[in-house]
Amino acid sequence: MKLGDFARKHKTLFWSTNAYDQLDERAVVEAVLNYGDWETVKELFSIIGIKRTAEVFREWTRPELSRTNYYPKITHYFRLYFDRYAH
């Protein structure tokens, strides 16, 4: 499954657009981690992998970035999760 198909399947997570095939990986990861349920997160892992998801997440939650779109609790949880499971 491609990310566009995944976004189309979970269109409630991407309410601000209908251009699902044009969503970049960063936008998909951000929406799923912030708003998706655990089954949706696991489905994302099956498409791009847990390591790639962790890379995208870490790239956009670096401490030197002054602003991020991730909720603080989501950032904390997935930092711990990826540190443990995404080697």
PDB file of N, CA and C in Angstrom:
ATOM      1  N   MET A   1       0.852  -1.182   0.000  1.00  0.00           N
ATOM      2  CA  MET A   1       0.000   0.000   0.000  1.00  0.00           C
ATOM      3  C   MET A   1       0.893   1.238   0.000  1.00  0.00           C
ATOM      4  N   LYS A   2       0.511   2.225  -0.776  1.00  0.00           N
ATOM      5  CA  LYS A   2       1.233   3.491  -0.831  1.00  0.00           C
ATOM      6  C   LYS A   2       0.673   4.439   0.224  1.00  0.00           C
ATOM      7  N   LEU A   3       1.463   5.475   0.554  1.00  0.00           N
ATOM      8  CA  LEU A   3       1.015   6.431   1.569  1.00  0.00           C
ATOM      9  C   LEU A   3      -0.267   7.141   1.156  1.00  0.00           C
ATOM     10  N   GLY A   4      -0.417   7.433  -0.124  1.00  0.00           N
ATOM     11  CA  GLY A   4      -1.648   8.069  -0.595  1.00  0.00           C
ATOM     12  C   GLY A   4      -2.867   7.195  -0.366  1.00  0.00           C
ATOM     13  N   ASP A   5      -2.727   5.913  -0.622  1.00  0.00           N
ATOM     14  CA  ASP A   5      -3.827   4.972  -0.382  1.00  0.00           C
ATOM     15  C   ASP A   5      -4.127   4.861   1.110  1.00  0.00           C
ATOM     16  N   PHE A   6      -3.067   4.840   1.906  1.00  0.00           N
ATOM     17  CA  PHE A   6      -3.220   4.796   3.363  1.00  0.00           C
ATOM     18  C   PHE A   6      -3.966   6.038   3.851  1.00  0.00           C
ATOM     19  N   ALA A   7      -3.560   7.219   3.366  1.00  0.00           N
ATOM     20  CA  ALA A   7      -4.212   8.471   3.766  1.00  0.00           C
ATOM     21  C   ALA A   7      -5.674   8.484   3.329  1.00  0.00           C
ATOM     22  N   ARG A   8      -5.939   7.985   2.145  1.00  0.00           N
ATOM     23  CA  ARG A   8      -7.319   7.923   1.646  1.00  0.00           C
ATOM     24  C   ARG A   8      -8.168   7.007   2.531  1.00  0.00           C
ATOM     25  N   LYS A   9      -7.581   5.907   2.973  1.00  0.00           N
ATOM     26  CA  LYS A   9      -8.288   4.968   3.843  1.00  0.00           C
ATOM     27  C   LYS A   9      -8.596   5.593   5.202  1.00  0.00           C
ATOM     28  N   HIS A  10      -7.703   6.466   5.669  1.00  0.00           N
ATOM     29  CA  HIS A  10      -7.853   7.106   6.982  1.00  0.00           C
ATOM     30  C   HIS A  10      -8.074   8.615   6.813  1.00  0.00           C
ATOM     31  N   LYS A  11      -8.981   8.971   5.932  1.00  0.00           N
ATOM     32  CA  LYS A  11      -9.161  10.382   5.572  1.00  0.00           C
ATOM     33  C   LYS A  11      -9.583  11.274   6.733  1.00  0.00           C
ATOM     34  N   THR A  12     -10.126  10.708   7.814  1.00  0.00           N
ATOM     35  CA  THR A  12     -10.483  11.550   8.961  1.00  0.00           C
ATOM     36  C   THR A  12      -9.240  12.124   9.642  1.00  0.00           C
ATOM     37  N   LEU A  13      -8.094  11.497   9.450  1.00  0.00           N
ATOM     38  CA  LEU A  13      -6.843  12.032  10.003  1.00  0.00           C
ATOM     39  C   LEU A  13      -6.294  13.165   9.147  1.00  0.00           C
ATOM     40  N   PHE A  14      -6.747  13.244   7.905  1.00  0.00           N
ATOM     41  CA  PHE A  14      -6.227  14.220   6.948  1.00  0.00           C
ATOM     42  C   PHE A  14      -7.361  15.110   6.455  1.00  0.00           C
ATOM     43  N   TRP A  15      -8.106  15.652   7.402  1.00  0.00           N
ATOM     44  CA  TRP A  15      -9.318  16.410   7.108  1.00  0.00           C
ATOM     45  C   TRP A  15      -9.046  17.699   6.336  1.00  0.00           C
ATOM     46  N   SER A  16      -7.805  18.210   6.380  1.00  0.00           N
ATOM     47  CA  SER A  16      -7.526  19.504   5.763  1.00  0.00           C
ATOM     48  C   SER A  16      -7.200  19.404   4.274  1.00  0.00           C
ATOM     49  N   THR A  17      -7.211  18.210   3.724  1.00  0.00           N
ATOM     50  CA  THR A  17      -6.872  18.051   2.310  1.00  0.00           C
ATOM     51  C   THR A  17      -7.660  16.900   1.693  1.00  0.00           C
ATOM     52  N   ASN A  18      -7.747  16.943   0.397  1.00  0.00           N
ATOM     53  CA  ASN A  18      -8.253  15.776  -0.324  1.00  0.00           C
ATOM     54  C   ASN A  18      -7.228  15.333  -1.369  1.00  0.00           C
ATOM     55  N   ALA A  19      -6.041  15.930  -1.319  1.00  0.00           N
ATOM     56  CA  ALA A  19      -4.931  15.571  -2.212  1.00  0.00           C
ATOM     57  C   ALA A  19      -4.062  14.524  -1.516  1.00  0.00           C
ATOM     58  N   TYR A  20      -4.629  13.365  -1.292  1.00  0.00           N
ATOM     59  CA  TYR A  20      -3.969  12.331  -0.498  1.00  0.00           C
ATOM     60  C   TYR A  20      -2.664  11.842  -1.119  1.00  0.00           C
ATOM     61  N   ASP A  21      -2.607  11.784  -2.435  1.00  0.00           N
ATOM     62  CA  ASP A  21      -1.396  11.308  -3.099  1.00  0.00           C
ATOM     63  C   ASP A  21      -0.251  12.316  -3.024  1.00  0.00           C
ATOM     64  N   GLN A  22      -0.549  13.547  -2.660  1.00  0.00           N
ATOM     65  CA  GLN A  22       0.482  14.574  -2.580  1.00  0.00           C
ATOM     66  C   GLN A  22       0.996  14.791  -1.160  1.00  0.00           C
ATOM     67  N   LEU A  23       0.444  14.092  -0.196  1.00  0.00           N
ATOM     68  CA  LEU A  23       0.929  14.220   1.177  1.00  0.00           C
ATOM     69  C   LEU A  23       2.329  13.638   1.275  1.00  0.00           C
ATOM     70  N   ASP A  24       3.213  14.349   1.951  1.00  0.00           N
ATOM     71  CA  ASP A  24       4.550  13.799   2.120  1.00  0.00           C
ATOM     72  C   ASP A  24       4.603  12.913   3.359  1.00  0.00           C
ATOM     73  N   GLU A  25       5.673  12.182   3.453  1.00  0.00           N
ATOM     74  CA  GLU A  25       5.850  11.213   4.529  1.00  0.00           C
ATOM     75  C   GLU A  25       5.764  11.877   5.900  1.00  0.00           C
ATOM     76  N   ARG A  26       6.347  13.050   6.014  1.00  0.00           N
ATOM     77  CA  ARG A  26       6.335  13.782   7.284  1.00  0.00           C
ATOM     78  C   ARG A  26       4.910  14.081   7.744  1.00  0.00           C
ATOM     79  N   ALA A  27       4.069  14.550   6.832  1.00  0.00           N
ATOM     80  CA  ALA A  27       2.689  14.890   7.179  1.00  0.00           C
ATOM     81  C   ALA A  27       1.903  13.658   7.606  1.00  0.00           C
ATOM     82  N   VAL A  28       2.138  12.545   6.933  1.00  0.00           N
ATOM     83  CA  VAL A  28       1.427  11.309   7.272  1.00  0.00           C
ATOM     84  C   VAL A  28       1.855  10.815   8.647  1.00  0.00           C
ATOM     85  N   VAL A  29       3.162  10.779   8.895  1.00  0.00           N
ATOM     86  CA  VAL A  29       3.660  10.325  10.202  1.00  0.00           C
ATOM     87  C   VAL A  29       3.125  11.221  11.310  1.00  0.00           C
ATOM     88  N   GLU A  30       3.182  12.517  11.111  1.00  0.00           N
ATOM     89  CA  GLU A  30       2.710  13.465  12.129  1.00  0.00           C
ATOM     90  C   GLU A  30       1.231  13.253  12.447  1.00  0.00           C
ATOM     91  N   ALA A  31       0.405  13.138  11.430  1.00  0.00           N
ATOM     92  CA  ALA A  31      -1.036  12.964  11.650  1.00  0.00           C
ATOM     93  C   ALA A  31      -1.338  11.647  12.354  1.00  0.00           C
ATOM     94  N   VAL A  32      -0.677  10.585  11.933  1.00  0.00           N
ATOM     95  CA  VAL A  32      -0.950   9.274  12.524  1.00  0.00           C
ATOM     96  C   VAL A  32      -0.494   9.229  13.976  1.00  0.00           C
ATOM     97  N   LEU A  33       0.693   9.720  14.267  1.00  0.00           N
ATOM     98  CA  LEU A  33       1.172   9.666  15.649  1.00  0.00           C
ATOM     99  C   LEU A  33       0.368  10.592  16.555  1.00  0.00           C
ATOM    100  N   ASN A  34      -0.028  11.746  16.061  1.00  0.00           N
ATOM    101  CA  ASN A  34      -0.799  12.685  16.878  1.00  0.00           C
ATOM    102  C   ASN A  34      -2.251  12.254  17.076  1.00  0.00           C
ATOM    103  N   TYR A  35      -2.886  11.749  16.025  1.00  0.00           N
ATOM    104  CA  TYR A  35      -4.337  11.561  16.055  1.00  0.00           C
ATOM    105  C   TYR A  35      -4.819  10.128  15.832  1.00  0.00           C
ATOM    106  N   GLY A  36      -3.937   9.263  15.370  1.00  0.00           N
ATOM    107  CA  GLY A  36      -4.351   7.903  15.058  1.00  0.00           C
ATOM    108  C   GLY A  36      -4.451   7.018  16.281  1.00  0.00           C
ATOM    109  N   ASP A  37      -5.196   5.928  16.145  1.00  0.00           N
ATOM    110  CA  ASP A  37      -5.233   4.936  17.219  1.00  0.00           C
ATOM    111  C   ASP A  37      -4.082   3.954  17.003  1.00  0.00           C
ATOM    112  N   TRP A  38      -3.923   3.020  17.939  1.00  0.00           N
ATOM    113  CA  TRP A  38      -2.770   2.124  17.884  1.00  0.00           C
ATOM    114  C   TRP A  38      -2.795   1.234  16.643  1.00  0.00           C
ATOM    115  N   GLU A  39      -3.964   0.818  16.202  1.00  0.00           N
ATOM    116  CA  GLU A  39      -4.058  -0.008  14.994  1.00  0.00           C
ATOM    117  C   GLU A  39      -3.573   0.764  13.768  1.00  0.00           C
ATOM    118  N   THR A  40      -3.889   2.042  13.708  1.00  0.00           N
ATOM    119  CA  THR A  40      -3.445   2.872  12.591  1.00  0.00           C
ATOM    120  C   THR A  40      -1.934   3.067  12.634  1.00  0.00           C
ATOM    121  N   VAL A  41      -1.386   3.255  13.826  1.00  0.00           N
ATOM    122  CA  VAL A  41       0.067   3.379  13.981  1.00  0.00           C
ATOM    123  C   VAL A  41       0.748   2.100  13.491  1.00  0.00           C
ATOM    124  N   LYS A  42       0.228   0.950  13.889  1.00  0.00           N
ATOM    125  CA  LYS A  42       0.817  -0.320  13.454  1.00  0.00           C
ATOM    126  C   LYS A  42       0.709  -0.499  11.939  1.00  0.00           C
ATOM    127  N   GLU A  43      -0.383  -0.031  11.376  1.00  0.00           N
ATOM    128  CA  GLU A  43      -0.545  -0.112   9.924  1.00  0.00           C
ATOM    129  C   GLU A  43       0.494   0.760   9.220  1.00  0.00           C
ATOM    130  N   LEU A  44       0.749   1.948   9.769  1.00  0.00           N
ATOM    131  CA  LEU A  44       1.797   2.812   9.218  1.00  0.00           C
ATOM    132  C   LEU A  44       3.154   2.116   9.291  1.00  0.00           C
ATOM    133  N   PHE A  45       3.449   1.484  10.426  1.00  0.00           N
ATOM    134  CA  PHE A  45       4.705   0.739  10.571  1.00  0.00           C
ATOM    135  C   PHE A  45       4.821  -0.334   9.490  1.00  0.00           C
ATOM    136  N   SER A  46       3.719  -0.982   9.163  1.00  0.00           N
ATOM    137  CA  SER A  46       3.771  -2.053   8.161  1.00  0.00           C
ATOM    138  C   SER A  46       4.025  -1.508   6.755  1.00  0.00           C
ATOM    139  N   ILE A  47       3.731  -0.235   6.536  1.00  0.00           N
ATOM    140  CA  ILE A  47       3.926   0.366   5.215  1.00  0.00           C
ATOM    141  C   ILE A  47       5.334   0.936   5.063  1.00  0.00           C
ATOM    142  N   ILE A  48       5.757   1.778   6.008  1.00  0.00           N
ATOM    143  CA  ILE A  48       7.077   2.411   5.859  1.00  0.00           C
ATOM    144  C   ILE A  48       8.104   1.872   6.847  1.00  0.00           C
ATOM    145  N   GLY A  49       7.660   1.070   7.791  1.00  0.00           N
ATOM    146  CA  GLY A  49       8.574   0.478   8.755  1.00  0.00           C
ATOM    147  C   GLY A  49       8.715   1.321  10.008  1.00  0.00           C
ATOM    148  N   ILE A  50       9.005   0.657  11.099  1.00  0.00           N
ATOM    149  CA  ILE A  50       9.153   1.364  12.372  1.00  0.00           C
ATOM    150  C   ILE A  50      10.409   2.233  12.367  1.00  0.00           C
ATOM    151  N   LYS A  51      11.477   1.757  11.722  1.00  0.00           N
ATOM    152  CA  LYS A  51      12.717   2.544  11.689  1.00  0.00           C
ATOM    153  C   LYS A  51      12.529   3.835  10.910  1.00  0.00           C
ATOM    154  N   ARG A  52      11.875   3.761   9.760  1.00  0.00           N
ATOM    155  CA  ARG A  52      11.657   4.972   8.965  1.00  0.00           C
ATOM    156  C   ARG A  52      10.699   5.919   9.678  1.00  0.00           C
ATOM    157  N   THR A  53       9.677   5.388  10.317  1.00  0.00           N
ATOM    158  CA  THR A  53       8.761   6.224  11.090  1.00  0.00           C
ATOM    159  C   THR A  53       9.528   6.948  12.186  1.00  0.00           C
ATOM    160  N   ALA A  54      10.404   6.231  12.881  1.00  0.00           N
ATOM    161  CA  ALA A  54      11.215   6.830  13.942  1.00  0.00           C
ATOM    162  C   ALA A  54      12.139   7.906  13.385  1.00  0.00           C
ATOM    163  N   GLU A  55      12.739   7.663  12.225  1.00  0.00           N
ATOM    164  CA  GLU A  55      13.621   8.664  11.610  1.00  0.00           C
ATOM    165  C   GLU A  55      12.868   9.950  11.305  1.00  0.00           C
ATOM    166  N   VAL A  56      11.702   9.820  10.700  1.00  0.00           N
ATOM    167  CA  VAL A  56      10.893  11.001  10.366  1.00  0.00           C
ATOM    168  C   VAL A  56      10.495  11.728  11.646  1.00  0.00           C
ATOM    169  N   PHE A  57      10.032  10.989  12.632  1.00  0.00           N
ATOM    170  CA  PHE A  57       9.629  11.574  13.908  1.00  0.00           C
ATOM    171  C   PHE A  57      10.800  12.313  14.558  1.00  0.00           C
ATOM    172  N   ARG A  58      11.951  11.665  14.640  1.00  0.00           N
ATOM    173  CA  ARG A  58      13.117  12.278  15.302  1.00  0.00           C
ATOM    174  C   ARG A  58      13.614  13.505  14.556  1.00  0.00           C
ATOM    175  N   GLU A  59      13.526  13.463  13.238  1.00  0.00           N
ATOM    176  CA  GLU A  59      13.966  14.597  12.433  1.00  0.00           C
ATOM    177  C   GLU A  59      13.166  15.858  12.768  1.00  0.00           C
ATOM    178  N   TRP A  60      11.882  15.686  13.053  1.00  0.00           N
ATOM    179  CA  TRP A  60      11.012  16.839  13.282  1.00  0.00           C
ATOM    180  C   TRP A  60      10.714  17.107  14.748  1.00  0.00           C
ATOM    181  N   THR A  61      11.361  16.384  15.649  1.00  0.00           N
ATOM    182  CA  THR A  61      11.195  16.664  17.086  1.00  0.00           C
ATOM    183  C   THR A  61      12.546  16.899  17.747  1.00  0.00           C
ATOM    184  N   ARG A  62      13.532  17.290  16.963  1.00  0.00           N
ATOM    185  CA  ARG A  62      14.850  17.610  17.524  1.00  0.00           C
ATOM    186  C   ARG A  62      14.706  18.761  18.511  1.00  0.00           C
ATOM    187  N   PRO A  63      15.455  18.704  19.613  1.00  0.00           N
ATOM    188  CA  PRO A  63      15.352  19.761  20.634  1.00  0.00           C
ATOM    189  C   PRO A  63      15.676  21.159  20.114  1.00  0.00           C
ATOM    190  N   GLU A  64      16.550  21.272  19.116  1.00  0.00           N
ATOM    191  CA  GLU A  64      16.917  22.604  18.621  1.00  0.00           C
ATOM    192  C   GLU A  64      15.823  23.255  17.775  1.00  0.00           C
ATOM    193  N   LEU A  65      14.827  22.495  17.393  1.00  0.00           N
ATOM    194  CA  LEU A  65      13.697  23.087  16.678  1.00  0.00           C
ATOM    195  C   LEU A  65      12.817  23.823  17.682  1.00  0.00           C
ATOM    196  N   SER A  66      12.522  25.062  17.385  1.00  0.00           N
ATOM    197  CA  SER A  66      11.758  25.854  18.350  1.00  0.00           C
ATOM    198  C   SER A  66      10.268  25.511  18.349  1.00  0.00           C
ATOM    199  N   ARG A  67       9.793  24.946  17.256  1.00  0.00           N
ATOM    200  CA  ARG A  67       8.366  24.655  17.160  1.00  0.00           C
ATOM    201  C   ARG A  67       8.161  23.289  16.521  1.00  0.00           C
ATOM    202  N   THR A  68       7.189  22.590  17.022  1.00  0.00           N
ATOM    203  CA  THR A  68       6.820  21.299  16.451  1.00  0.00           C
ATOM    204  C   THR A  68       5.304  21.169  16.500  1.00  0.00           C
ATOM    205  N   ASN A  69       4.758  20.364  15.629  1.00  0.00           N
ATOM    206  CA  ASN A  69       3.313  20.161  15.610  1.00  0.00           C
ATOM    207  C   ASN A  69       2.869  18.962  16.428  1.00  0.00           C
ATOM    208  N   TYR A  70       3.824  18.274  17.027  1.00  0.00           N
ATOM    209  CA  TYR A  70       3.484  17.125  17.868  1.00  0.00           C
ATOM    210  C   TYR A  70       3.071  17.608  19.252  1.00  0.00           C
ATOM    211  N   TYR A  71       2.063  16.963  19.810  1.00  0.00           N
ATOM    212  CA  TYR A  71       1.678  17.257  21.184  1.00  0.00           C
ATOM    213  C   TYR A  71       2.794  16.803  22.121  1.00  0.00           C
ATOM    214  N   PRO A  72       3.036  17.531  23.214  1.00  0.00           N
ATOM    215  CA  PRO A  72       4.126  17.168  24.131  1.00  0.00           C
ATOM    216  C   PRO A  72       4.046  15.729  24.648  1.00  0.00           C
ATOM    217  N   LYS A  73       2.861  15.258  24.995  1.00  0.00           N
ATOM    218  CA  LYS A  73       2.737  13.881  25.494  1.00  0.00           C
ATOM    219  C   LYS A  73       3.035  12.864  24.395  1.00  0.00           C
ATOM    220  N   ILE A  74       2.654  13.180  23.173  1.00  0.00           N
ATOM    221  CA  ILE A  74       2.950  12.304  22.036  1.00  0.00           C
ATOM    222  C   ILE A  74       4.458  12.260  21.805  1.00  0.00           C
ATOM    223  N   THR A  75       5.101  13.412  21.846  1.00  0.00           N
ATOM    224  CA  THR A  75       6.552  13.467  21.676  1.00  0.00           C
ATOM    225  C   THR A  75       7.246  12.628  22.732  1.00  0.00           C
ATOM    226  N   HIS A  76       6.853  12.799  23.975  1.00  0.00           N
ATOM    227  CA  HIS A  76       7.472  12.047  25.068  1.00  0.00           C
ATOM    228  C   HIS A  76       7.263  10.543  24.887  1.00  0.00           C
ATOM    229  N   TYR A  77       6.039  10.132  24.615  1.00  0.00           N
ATOM    230  CA  TYR A  77       5.731   8.709  24.471  1.00  0.00           C
ATOM    231  C   TYR A  77       6.529   8.080  23.330  1.00  0.00           C
ATOM    232  N   PHE A  78       6.490   8.699  22.154  1.00  0.00           N
ATOM    233  CA  PHE A  78       7.143   8.073  21.009  1.00  0.00           C
ATOM    234  C   PHE A  78       8.663   8.182  21.070  1.00  0.00           C
ATOM    235  N   ARG A  79       9.207   9.162  21.767  1.00  0.00           N
ATOM    236  CA  ARG A  79      10.662   9.143  22.006  1.00  0.00           C
ATOM    237  C   ARG A  79      11.038   7.896  22.791  1.00  0.00           C
ATOM    238  N   LEU A  80      10.305   7.626  23.852  1.00  0.00           N
ATOM    239  CA  LEU A  80      10.574   6.429  24.651  1.00  0.00           C
ATOM    240  C   LEU A  80      10.334   5.164  23.827  1.00  0.00           C
ATOM    241  N   TYR A  81       9.241   5.122  23.107  1.00  0.00           N
ATOM    242  CA  TYR A  81       8.887   3.941  22.317  1.00  0.00           C
ATOM    243  C   TYR A  81       9.945   3.654  21.251  1.00  0.00           C
ATOM    244  N   PHE A  82      10.309   4.672  20.483  1.00  0.00           N
ATOM    245  CA  PHE A  82      11.276   4.456  19.409  1.00  0.00           C
ATOM    246  C   PHE A  82      12.673   4.166  19.952  1.00  0.00           C
ATOM    247  N   ASP A  83      13.032   4.768  21.076  1.00  0.00           N
ATOM    248  CA  ASP A  83      14.329   4.446  21.684  1.00  0.00           C
ATOM    249  C   ASP A  83      14.406   2.970  22.057  1.00  0.00           C
ATOM    250  N   ARG A  84      13.291   2.419  22.431  1.00  0.00           N
ATOM    251  CA  ARG A  84      13.278   1.014  22.841  1.00  0.00           C
ATOM    252  C   ARG A  84      13.123   0.040  21.667  1.00  0.00           C
ATOM    253  N   TYR A  85      12.280   0.384  20.700  1.00  0.00           N
ATOM    254  CA  TYR A  85      11.907  -0.591  19.675  1.00  0.00           C
ATOM    255  C   TYR A  85      12.426  -0.314  18.262  1.00  0.00           C
ATOM    256  N   ALA A  86      12.909   0.866  17.980  1.00  0.00           N
ATOM    257  CA  ALA A  86      13.361   1.186  16.616  1.00  0.00           C
ATOM    258  C   ALA A  86      14.881   1.280  16.572  1.00  0.00           C
ATOM    259  N   HIS A  87      15.520   0.158  16.545  1.00  0.00           N
ATOM    260  CA  HIS A  87      16.991   0.123  16.548  1.00  0.00           C
ATOM    261  C   HIS A  87      17.530   0.116  15.151  1.00  0.00           C
TER     262      HIS A  87
END
